[in-house]
């Protein structure tokens, strides 16, 4: 009997955000468009929306790479794209905070995941990237503003590059920002 080959690395691309808060819907719109594209095998694209707790539990199924897509305010011009690599540090779970399952930031999801992994003996994804977009407004209202809407196709291309290439050209720009 031949030994079985190790399973292929799995990647999860998760769109996060609230479509009723303007530019906060960036992640949801980006993964909606990305899901219609030809992507590498073993890549799953999901619209998590505001279900951060669901995402943390889904990650217990074992993924090598997680790409979170979200509106990310870092003080640049609206529509600026960022690629941020998350580090779980020493693996120690962050202190538990009050968690609202419908308002979990990527940091809160990853902290919950670290705690769940510690409690279950599972491993978090080896690599976690956040593809973020600087929002103009996250006030109540449906629809993305023009700068963020214009950034969606660029974000789709950037994520495709991250998925198809081991070292995307975006990673060669300053670590936390991709030029627009």
C-alpha atoms as a PDB file:
ATOM      1  CA  UNK A   1       0.000   0.000   0.000  1.00  0.00           C
ATOM      2  CA  UNK A   2       1.459   3.353  -1.081  1.00  0.00           C
ATOM      3  CA  UNK A   3       1.575   6.108   1.493  1.00  0.00           C
ATOM      4  CA  UNK A   4      -0.943   8.780   0.657  1.00  0.00           C
ATOM      5  CA  UNK A   5       0.307  12.161  -0.431  1.00  0.00           C
ATOM      6  CA  UNK A   6      -0.195  14.980   2.036  1.00  0.00           C
ATOM      7  CA  UNK A   7      -3.317  17.000   1.330  1.00  0.00           C
ATOM      8  CA  UNK A   8      -2.835  20.019  -0.914  1.00  0.00           C
ATOM      9  CA  UNK A   9      -2.592  23.315   0.958  1.00  0.00           C
ATOM     10  CA  UNK A  10      -6.006  24.910   1.297  1.00  0.00           C
ATOM     11  CA  UNK A  11      -6.620  28.636   1.000  1.00  0.00           C
ATOM     12  CA  UNK A  12      -9.658  30.520   2.250  1.00  0.00           C
ATOM     13  CA  UNK A  13     -10.421  34.002   0.922  1.00  0.00           C
ATOM     14  CA  UNK A  14     -13.003  35.646   3.181  1.00  0.00           C
ATOM     15  CA  UNK A  15     -14.805  38.900   2.476  1.00  0.00           C
ATOM     16  CA  UNK A  16     -15.686  40.769   5.656  1.00  0.00           C
ATOM     17  CA  UNK A  17     -17.906  43.788   6.103  1.00  0.00           C
ATOM     18  CA  UNK A  18     -21.348  45.253   6.481  1.00  0.00           C
ATOM     19  CA  UNK A  19     -22.994  46.196   3.183  1.00  0.00           C
ATOM     20  CA  UNK A  20     -25.296  48.598   5.062  1.00  0.00           C
ATOM     21  CA  UNK A  21     -22.353  50.771   6.156  1.00  0.00           C
ATOM     22  CA  UNK A  22     -21.125  52.226   2.863  1.00  0.00           C
ATOM     23  CA  UNK A  23     -17.480  51.428   2.155  1.00  0.00           C
ATOM     24  CA  UNK A  24     -17.457  48.756   4.871  1.00  0.00           C
ATOM     25  CA  UNK A  25     -18.964  46.512   2.173  1.00  0.00           C
ATOM     26  CA  UNK A  26     -15.622  46.484   0.278  1.00  0.00           C
ATOM     27  CA  UNK A  27     -14.702  42.926   1.317  1.00  0.00           C
ATOM     28  CA  UNK A  28     -18.112  41.517   0.445  1.00  0.00           C
ATOM     29  CA  UNK A  29     -18.156  43.149  -3.011  1.00  0.00           C
ATOM     30  CA  UNK A  30     -14.576  42.124  -3.756  1.00  0.00           C
ATOM     31  CA  UNK A  31     -15.118  38.427  -2.969  1.00  0.00           C
ATOM     32  CA  UNK A  32     -18.393  38.467  -4.902  1.00  0.00           C
ATOM     33  CA  UNK A  33     -16.439  39.446  -8.002  1.00  0.00           C
ATOM     34  CA  UNK A  34     -13.493  37.183  -7.162  1.00  0.00           C
ATOM     35  CA  UNK A  35     -15.758  34.120  -6.858  1.00  0.00           C
ATOM     36  CA  UNK A  36     -16.596  34.397 -10.571  1.00  0.00           C
ATOM     37  CA  UNK A  37     -12.902  34.137 -11.543  1.00  0.00           C
ATOM     38  CA  UNK A  38     -10.745  31.115 -12.357  1.00  0.00           C
ATOM     39  CA  UNK A  39      -8.773  30.478  -9.170  1.00  0.00           C
ATOM     40  CA  UNK A  40      -6.217  27.865  -8.119  1.00  0.00           C
ATOM     41  CA  UNK A  41      -7.482  24.492  -6.939  1.00  0.00           C
ATOM     42  CA  UNK A  42      -8.016  24.187  -3.194  1.00  0.00           C
ATOM     43  CA  UNK A  43      -9.082  27.843  -2.955  1.00  0.00           C
ATOM     44  CA  UNK A  44     -12.403  28.672  -1.360  1.00  0.00           C
ATOM     45  CA  UNK A  45     -13.965  32.130  -1.582  1.00  0.00           C
ATOM     46  CA  UNK A  46     -16.624  33.029   0.975  1.00  0.00           C
ATOM     47  CA  UNK A  47     -18.709  36.072   1.812  1.00  0.00           C
ATOM     48  CA  UNK A  48     -18.510  36.163   5.595  1.00  0.00           C
ATOM     49  CA  UNK A  49     -20.055  39.615   5.873  1.00  0.00           C
ATOM     50  CA  UNK A  50     -20.641  40.252   9.578  1.00  0.00           C
ATOM     51  CA  UNK A  51     -20.412  36.595  10.652  1.00  0.00           C
ATOM     52  CA  UNK A  52     -16.905  36.750  12.163  1.00  0.00           C
ATOM     53  CA  UNK A  53     -17.581  34.044  14.721  1.00  0.00           C
ATOM     54  CA  UNK A  54     -18.607  31.696  11.890  1.00  0.00           C
ATOM     55  CA  UNK A  55     -15.290  32.442  10.158  1.00  0.00           C
ATOM     56  CA  UNK A  56     -13.256  31.562  13.266  1.00  0.00           C
ATOM     57  CA  UNK A  57     -15.010  28.205  13.546  1.00  0.00           C
ATOM     58  CA  UNK A  58     -14.695  27.500   9.791  1.00  0.00           C
ATOM     59  CA  UNK A  59     -10.933  28.010  10.055  1.00  0.00           C
ATOM     60  CA  UNK A  60     -10.744  25.062  12.457  1.00  0.00           C
ATOM     61  CA  UNK A  61     -11.331  22.862   9.377  1.00  0.00           C
ATOM     62  CA  UNK A  62      -7.670  23.422   8.481  1.00  0.00           C
ATOM     63  CA  UNK A  63      -6.393  26.008   6.021  1.00  0.00           C
ATOM     64  CA  UNK A  64      -2.806  26.749   5.120  1.00  0.00           C
ATOM     65  CA  UNK A  65      -3.526  30.335   4.066  1.00  0.00           C
ATOM     66  CA  UNK A  66      -6.224  32.822   4.977  1.00  0.00           C
ATOM     67  CA  UNK A  67      -6.797  35.991   2.973  1.00  0.00           C
ATOM     68  CA  UNK A  68      -9.145  38.423   4.722  1.00  0.00           C
ATOM     69  CA  UNK A  69     -10.637  41.152   2.524  1.00  0.00           C
ATOM     70  CA  UNK A  70     -11.934  44.145   4.450  1.00  0.00           C
ATOM     71  CA  UNK A  71     -12.199  47.919   4.653  1.00  0.00           C
ATOM     72  CA  UNK A  72      -9.076  48.949   6.560  1.00  0.00           C
ATOM     73  CA  UNK A  73      -8.635  52.508   7.830  1.00  0.00           C
ATOM     74  CA  UNK A  74      -4.946  53.398   8.025  1.00  0.00           C
ATOM     75  CA  UNK A  75      -5.072  57.112   7.262  1.00  0.00           C
ATOM     76  CA  UNK A  76      -4.319  57.109   3.532  1.00  0.00           C
ATOM     77  CA  UNK A  77      -6.441  58.315   0.624  1.00  0.00           C
ATOM     78  CA  UNK A  78      -9.765  56.484   0.144  1.00  0.00           C
ATOM     79  CA  UNK A  79      -9.305  53.601  -2.272  1.00  0.00           C
ATOM     80  CA  UNK A  80      -5.706  52.876  -1.224  1.00  0.00           C
ATOM     81  CA  UNK A  81      -5.105  49.132  -1.069  1.00  0.00           C
ATOM     82  CA  UNK A  82      -3.054  47.434   1.624  1.00  0.00           C
ATOM     83  CA  UNK A  83      -1.559  43.985   2.024  1.00  0.00           C
ATOM     84  CA  UNK A  84      -0.908  43.294   5.685  1.00  0.00           C
ATOM     85  CA  UNK A  85       0.647  40.052   6.909  1.00  0.00           C
ATOM     86  CA  UNK A  86      -0.672  38.940  10.294  1.00  0.00           C
ATOM     87  CA  UNK A  87       1.666  37.295  12.784  1.00  0.00           C
ATOM     88  CA  UNK A  88       0.254  35.058  15.511  1.00  0.00           C
ATOM     89  CA  UNK A  89       3.380  35.875  17.522  1.00  0.00           C
ATOM     90  CA  UNK A  90       4.191  33.247  20.109  1.00  0.00           C
ATOM     91  CA  UNK A  91       0.837  31.518  19.636  1.00  0.00           C
ATOM     92  CA  UNK A  92      -0.520  32.687  22.987  1.00  0.00           C
ATOM     93  CA  UNK A  93      -4.198  33.529  22.622  1.00  0.00           C
ATOM     94  CA  UNK A  94      -5.117  37.135  23.160  1.00  0.00           C
ATOM     95  CA  UNK A  95      -7.163  37.869  26.278  1.00  0.00           C
ATOM     96  CA  UNK A  96     -10.838  37.165  25.780  1.00  0.00           C
ATOM     97  CA  UNK A  97     -12.901  40.242  25.092  1.00  0.00           C
ATOM     98  CA  UNK A  98     -16.627  40.705  24.911  1.00  0.00           C
ATOM     99  CA  UNK A  99     -17.470  39.410  21.470  1.00  0.00           C
ATOM    100  CA  UNK A 100     -20.389  40.536  19.408  1.00  0.00           C
ATOM    101  CA  UNK A 101     -20.726  37.913  16.681  1.00  0.00           C
ATOM    102  CA  UNK A 102     -21.922  40.552  14.205  1.00  0.00           C
ATOM    103  CA  UNK A 103     -19.234  43.168  14.856  1.00  0.00           C
ATOM    104  CA  UNK A 104     -16.009  41.209  14.947  1.00  0.00           C
ATOM    105  CA  UNK A 105     -12.981  42.881  13.408  1.00  0.00           C
ATOM    106  CA  UNK A 106     -10.320  40.730  11.725  1.00  0.00           C
ATOM    107  CA  UNK A 107      -8.190  41.131  14.879  1.00  0.00           C
ATOM    108  CA  UNK A 108     -11.054  39.827  17.036  1.00  0.00           C
ATOM    109  CA  UNK A 109     -11.621  36.885  14.667  1.00  0.00           C
ATOM    110  CA  UNK A 110      -7.929  35.977  14.770  1.00  0.00           C
ATOM    111  CA  UNK A 111      -7.816  36.308  18.565  1.00  0.00           C
ATOM    112  CA  UNK A 112     -10.838  34.000  18.848  1.00  0.00           C
ATOM    113  CA  UNK A 113      -9.217  31.592  16.384  1.00  0.00           C
ATOM    114  CA  UNK A 114      -6.011  31.501  18.447  1.00  0.00           C
ATOM    115  CA  UNK A 115      -8.041  30.712  21.565  1.00  0.00           C
ATOM    116  CA  UNK A 116     -10.058  28.019  19.745  1.00  0.00           C
ATOM    117  CA  UNK A 117      -6.888  26.444  18.349  1.00  0.00           C
ATOM    118  CA  UNK A 118      -5.282  26.417  21.790  1.00  0.00           C
ATOM    119  CA  UNK A 119      -8.378  24.741  23.220  1.00  0.00           C
ATOM    120  CA  UNK A 120      -8.756  22.148  20.463  1.00  0.00           C
ATOM    121  CA  UNK A 121      -5.133  21.396  19.630  1.00  0.00           C
ATOM    122  CA  UNK A 122      -5.586  22.525  16.026  1.00  0.00           C
ATOM    123  CA  UNK A 123      -3.345  24.930  14.147  1.00  0.00           C
ATOM    124  CA  UNK A 124      -4.254  28.357  12.759  1.00  0.00           C
ATOM    125  CA  UNK A 125      -3.439  29.042   9.109  1.00  0.00           C
ATOM    126  CA  UNK A 126       0.296  29.211   8.475  1.00  0.00           C
ATOM    127  CA  UNK A 127      -0.122  32.492   6.613  1.00  0.00           C
ATOM    128  CA  UNK A 128      -2.730  35.198   7.180  1.00  0.00           C
ATOM    129  CA  UNK A 129      -2.976  38.184   4.872  1.00  0.00           C
ATOM    130  CA  UNK A 130      -5.365  41.099   5.041  1.00  0.00           C
ATOM    131  CA  UNK A 131      -6.145  42.794   1.748  1.00  0.00           C
ATOM    132  CA  UNK A 132      -7.598  46.057   2.910  1.00  0.00           C
ATOM    133  CA  UNK A 133      -8.958  49.176   1.284  1.00  0.00           C
ATOM    134  CA  UNK A 134      -8.989  52.626   2.842  1.00  0.00           C
ATOM    135  CA  UNK A 135     -12.664  53.615   3.214  1.00  0.00           C
ATOM    136  CA  UNK A 136     -14.035  57.115   2.690  1.00  0.00           C
ATOM    137  CA  UNK A 137     -17.178  56.545   4.744  1.00  0.00           C
ATOM    138  CA  UNK A 138     -18.587  53.760   6.897  1.00  0.00           C
ATOM    139  CA  UNK A 139     -21.756  55.637   7.736  1.00  0.00           C
ATOM    140  CA  UNK A 140     -25.169  54.053   7.221  1.00  0.00           C
ATOM    141  CA  UNK A 141     -25.987  53.627   3.569  1.00  0.00           C
ATOM    142  CA  UNK A 142     -25.888  50.951   0.890  1.00  0.00           C
ATOM    143  CA  UNK A 143     -23.204  51.044  -1.782  1.00  0.00           C
ATOM    144  CA  UNK A 144     -19.534  51.828  -2.051  1.00  0.00           C
ATOM    145  CA  UNK A 145     -18.261  55.333  -2.678  1.00  0.00           C
ATOM    146  CA  UNK A 146     -16.452  55.999  -5.980  1.00  0.00           C
ATOM    147  CA  UNK A 147     -12.834  55.634  -4.718  1.00  0.00           C
ATOM    148  CA  UNK A 148     -13.565  52.316  -2.997  1.00  0.00           C
ATOM    149  CA  UNK A 149     -15.715  51.036  -5.866  1.00  0.00           C
ATOM    150  CA  UNK A 150     -12.857  51.857  -8.264  1.00  0.00           C
ATOM    151  CA  UNK A 151     -10.475  49.891  -6.007  1.00  0.00           C
ATOM    152  CA  UNK A 152     -12.504  46.654  -6.183  1.00  0.00           C
ATOM    153  CA  UNK A 153     -11.208  45.475  -9.609  1.00  0.00           C
ATOM    154  CA  UNK A 154      -7.646  46.310  -8.538  1.00  0.00           C
ATOM    155  CA  UNK A 155      -8.175  44.319  -5.342  1.00  0.00           C
ATOM    156  CA  UNK A 156      -9.474  41.340  -7.328  1.00  0.00           C
ATOM    157  CA  UNK A 157      -6.326  41.399  -9.480  1.00  0.00           C
ATOM    158  CA  UNK A 158      -4.133  41.771  -6.392  1.00  0.00           C
ATOM    159  CA  UNK A 159      -5.769  38.784  -4.679  1.00  0.00           C
ATOM    160  CA  UNK A 160      -5.442  36.709  -7.846  1.00  0.00           C
ATOM    161  CA  UNK A 161      -1.742  37.556  -7.881  1.00  0.00           C
ATOM    162  CA  UNK A 162      -1.433  36.556  -4.225  1.00  0.00           C
ATOM    163  CA  UNK A 163      -3.154  33.242  -4.959  1.00  0.00           C
ATOM    164  CA  UNK A 164      -1.286  32.354  -8.164  1.00  0.00           C
ATOM    165  CA  UNK A 165       2.204  33.546  -7.207  1.00  0.00           C
ATOM    166  CA  UNK A 166       4.239  32.657  -4.181  1.00  0.00           C
ATOM    167  CA  UNK A 167       5.719  36.162  -4.001  1.00  0.00           C
ATOM    168  CA  UNK A 168       3.426  38.781  -5.549  1.00  0.00           C
ATOM    169  CA  UNK A 169       4.897  42.049  -6.746  1.00  0.00           C
ATOM    170  CA  UNK A 170       2.704  43.770  -4.146  1.00  0.00           C
ATOM    171  CA  UNK A 171       4.823  42.191  -1.430  1.00  0.00           C
ATOM    172  CA  UNK A 172       7.827  44.034  -2.853  1.00  0.00           C
ATOM    173  CA  UNK A 173       6.307  47.438  -2.120  1.00  0.00           C
ATOM    174  CA  UNK A 174       6.372  48.757   1.468  1.00  0.00           C
ATOM    175  CA  UNK A 175       5.076  45.942   3.712  1.00  0.00           C
ATOM    176  CA  UNK A 176       1.664  47.335   4.607  1.00  0.00           C
ATOM    177  CA  UNK A 177       0.673  49.305   1.527  1.00  0.00           C
ATOM    178  CA  UNK A 178       0.162  48.779  -2.179  1.00  0.00           C
ATOM    179  CA  UNK A 179       0.170  51.893  -4.299  1.00  0.00           C
ATOM    180  CA  UNK A 180      -3.062  52.850  -6.037  1.00  0.00           C
END
